[in-house]
Every structure is written in C-alpha cells, then in structure tokens.
PDB file of N, CA and C in Angstrom:
ATOM      1  N   LYS A   1     131.350  65.142 194.648  1.00  0.00           N
ATOM      2  CA  LYS A   1     130.521  64.567 194.946  1.00  0.00           C
ATOM      3  C   LYS A   1     128.904  64.720 195.384  1.00  0.00           C
ATOM      4  N   VAL A   2     129.143  65.600 196.470  1.00  0.00           N
ATOM      5  CA  VAL A   2     127.413  66.280 197.087  1.00  0.00           C
ATOM      6  C   VAL A   2     126.782  66.716 195.232  1.00  0.00           C
ATOM      7  N   ILE A   3     127.136  67.185 194.233  1.00  0.00           N
ATOM      8  CA  ILE A   3     126.728  67.894 193.310  1.00  0.00           C
ATOM      9  C   ILE A   3     126.300  66.501 192.403  1.00  0.00           C
ATOM     10  N   ALA A   4     127.638  65.806 192.348  1.00  0.00           N
ATOM     11  CA  ALA A   4     126.904  64.604 191.782  1.00  0.00           C
ATOM     12  C   ALA A   4     126.023  63.269 192.815  1.00  0.00           C
ATOM     13  N   LEU A   5     125.824  63.503 193.458  1.00  0.00           N
ATOM     14  CA  LEU A   5     124.591  63.113 194.434  1.00  0.00           C
ATOM     15  C   LEU A   5     123.881  63.397 193.533  1.00  0.00           C
ATOM     16  N   LYS A   6     123.289  65.211 193.754  1.00  0.00           N
ATOM     17  CA  LYS A   6     121.992  65.710 194.053  1.00  0.00           C
ATOM     18  C   LYS A   6     121.656  65.347 192.081  1.00  0.00           C
ATOM     19  N   ASP A   7     122.457  65.174 191.775  1.00  0.00           N
ATOM     20  CA  ASP A   7     122.105  65.026 190.314  1.00  0.00           C
ATOM     21  C   ASP A   7     121.450  63.648 190.112  1.00  0.00           C
ATOM     22  N   LEU A   8     122.265  62.641 190.874  1.00  0.00           N
ATOM     23  CA  LEU A   8     122.201  61.370 189.937  1.00  0.00           C
ATOM     24  C   LEU A   8     120.707  60.875 190.793  1.00  0.00           C
ATOM     25  N   TYR A   9     120.343  61.948 192.084  1.00  0.00           N
ATOM     26  CA  TYR A   9     118.942  62.387 193.385  1.00  0.00           C
ATOM     27  C   TYR A   9     117.534  62.424 191.820  1.00  0.00           C
ATOM     28  N   GLU A  10     117.998  63.557 191.438  1.00  0.00           N
ATOM     29  CA  GLU A  10     117.060  64.350 190.114  1.00  0.00           C
ATOM     30  C   GLU A  10     116.670  62.922 189.704  1.00  0.00           C
ATOM     31  N   LEU A  11     117.635  62.640 188.772  1.00  0.00           N
ATOM     32  CA  LEU A  11     117.574  61.085 187.270  1.00  0.00           C
ATOM     33  C   LEU A  11     116.802  60.629 188.097  1.00  0.00           C
ATOM     34  N   LEU A  12     116.667  59.991 189.378  1.00  0.00           N
ATOM     35  CA  LEU A  12     116.143  58.842 189.526  1.00  0.00           C
ATOM     36  C   LEU A  12     114.249  58.913 190.179  1.00  0.00           C
ATOM     37  N   GLU A  13     113.883  60.624 190.456  1.00  0.00           N
ATOM     38  CA  GLU A  13     113.491  61.383 190.627  1.00  0.00           C
ATOM     39  C   GLU A  13     112.117  61.630 189.171  1.00  0.00           C
ATOM     40  N   LYS A  14     113.026  61.852 187.936  1.00  0.00           N
ATOM     41  CA  LYS A  14     112.247  61.725 186.369  1.00  0.00           C
ATOM     42  C   LYS A  14     111.372  60.341 186.566  1.00  0.00           C
ATOM     43  N   VAL A  15     112.761  59.333 186.491  1.00  0.00           N
ATOM     44  CA  VAL A  15     112.514  57.999 186.325  1.00  0.00           C
ATOM     45  C   VAL A  15     111.578  57.107 186.897  1.00  0.00           C
ATOM     46  N   ILE A  16     111.097  57.077 188.202  1.00  0.00           N
ATOM     47  CA  ILE A  16     110.331  57.148 188.888  1.00  0.00           C
ATOM     48  C   ILE A  16     109.370  57.851 188.489  1.00  0.00           C
ATOM     49  N   ASP A  17     109.100  58.823 188.061  1.00  0.00           N
ATOM     50  CA  ASP A  17     107.622  59.691 187.306  1.00  0.00           C
ATOM     51  C   ASP A  17     107.279  58.856 186.177  1.00  0.00           C
ATOM     52  N   ARG A  18     108.298  58.624 185.635  1.00  0.00           N
ATOM     53  CA  ARG A  18     107.991  57.943 184.202  1.00  0.00           C
ATOM     54  C   ARG A  18     107.618  57.076 184.316  1.00  0.00           C
ATOM     55  N   CYS A  19     107.943  56.052 185.597  1.00  0.00           N
ATOM     56  CA  CYS A  19     107.265  54.645 185.487  1.00  0.00           C
ATOM     57  C   CYS A  19     105.962  55.092 185.853  1.00  0.00           C
ATOM     58  N   ARG A  20     105.551  55.376 186.895  1.00  0.00           N
ATOM     59  CA  ARG A  20     104.187  56.377 187.700  1.00  0.00           C
ATOM     60  C   ARG A  20     103.436  55.970 186.026  1.00  0.00           C
ATOM     61  N   ASP A  21     104.034  57.701 185.380  1.00  0.00           N
ATOM     62  CA  ASP A  21     102.760  57.470 184.241  1.00  0.00           C
ATOM     63  C   ASP A  21     102.207  55.882 183.458  1.00  0.00           C
ATOM     64  N   ALA A  22     103.443  55.706 183.077  1.00  0.00           N
ATOM     65  CA  ALA A  22     103.051  54.220 181.971  1.00  0.00           C
ATOM     66  C   ALA A  22     102.609  53.692 182.810  1.00  0.00           C
ATOM     67  N   GLY A  23     102.760  53.118 184.960  1.00  0.00           N
ATOM     68  CA  GLY A  23     101.408  52.371 184.807  1.00  0.00           C
ATOM     69  C   GLY A  23     100.435  52.970 184.773  1.00  0.00           C
ATOM     70  N   ASN A  24     100.195  54.278 184.852  1.00  0.00           N
ATOM     71  CA  ASN A  24      98.675  55.204 185.088  1.00  0.00           C
ATOM     72  C   ASN A  24      98.816  54.468 183.282  1.00  0.00           C
ATOM     73  N   VAL A  25      99.189  54.929 182.869  1.00  0.00           N
ATOM     74  CA  VAL A  25      98.549  54.523 180.885  1.00  0.00           C
ATOM     75  C   VAL A  25      98.474  52.831 180.935  1.00  0.00           C
ATOM     76  N   ILE A  26      99.139  52.153 180.434  1.00  0.00           N
ATOM     77  CA  ILE A  26      98.495  50.505 181.087  1.00  0.00           C
ATOM     78  C   ILE A  26      97.448  50.353 181.864  1.00  0.00           C
ATOM     79  N   ASN A  27      97.660  51.267 183.401  1.00  0.00           N
ATOM     80  CA  ASN A  27      96.496  50.626 184.105  1.00  0.00           C
ATOM     81  C   ASN A  27      94.740  50.913 183.574  1.00  0.00           C
ATOM     82  N   HIS A  28      94.843  52.320 182.312  1.00  0.00           N
ATOM     83  CA  HIS A  28      93.479  53.486 181.865  1.00  0.00           C
ATOM     84  C   HIS A  28      93.215  52.470 180.941  1.00  0.00           C
ATOM     85  N   ILE A  29      93.724  52.048 179.986  1.00  0.00           N
ATOM     86  CA  ILE A  29      94.353  50.642 178.758  1.00  0.00           C
ATOM     87  C   ILE A  29      93.462  49.733 179.260  1.00  0.00           C
ATOM     88  N   VAL A  30      93.830  48.811 180.408  1.00  0.00           N
ATOM     89  CA  VAL A  30      93.726  47.291 180.503  1.00  0.00           C
ATOM     90  C   VAL A  30      91.940  47.702 181.413  1.00  0.00           C
ATOM     91  N   LEU A  31      91.835  48.558 182.595  1.00  0.00           N
ATOM     92  CA  LEU A  31      90.195  48.803 182.371  1.00  0.00           C
ATOM     93  C   LEU A  31      89.549  49.161 181.711  1.00  0.00           C
ATOM     94  N   LYS A  32      89.800  49.853 180.563  1.00  0.00           N
ATOM     95  CA  LYS A  32      88.483  50.551 179.409  1.00  0.00           C
ATOM     96  C   LYS A  32      88.681  48.635 178.633  1.00  0.00           C
ATOM     97  N   ASN A  33      89.771  48.751 178.861  1.00  0.00           N
ATOM     98  CA  ASN A  33      89.203  46.459 177.682  1.00  0.00           C
ATOM     99  C   ASN A  33      88.750  45.695 178.176  1.00  0.00           C
ATOM    100  N   SER A  34      88.970  46.138 179.758  1.00  0.00           N
ATOM    101  CA  SER A  34      87.651  44.892 180.819  1.00  0.00           C
ATOM    102  C   SER A  34      86.494  45.207 180.735  1.00  0.00           C
TER     103      SER A  34
END
C-alpha cells in the first residue's frame, strides 16, 4: 500500500509539472500575441 501511494504521488507530481509547463507555454503565446 505504501509503494502504491508513493507511485501515485510521483505520477501526480509529473502531471502537475506538465500542467505548469503547458500554462507557461500558453502564457508565452498570449503575451507574444497581445
């Protein structure tokens, strides 16, 4: 159970990083086009 929780946490961390990256890209595009 502990290992599954650790895997889930790592996966969540990756997802959050991806979302942050996507947000940065969108922000960059919006700023460039404004």
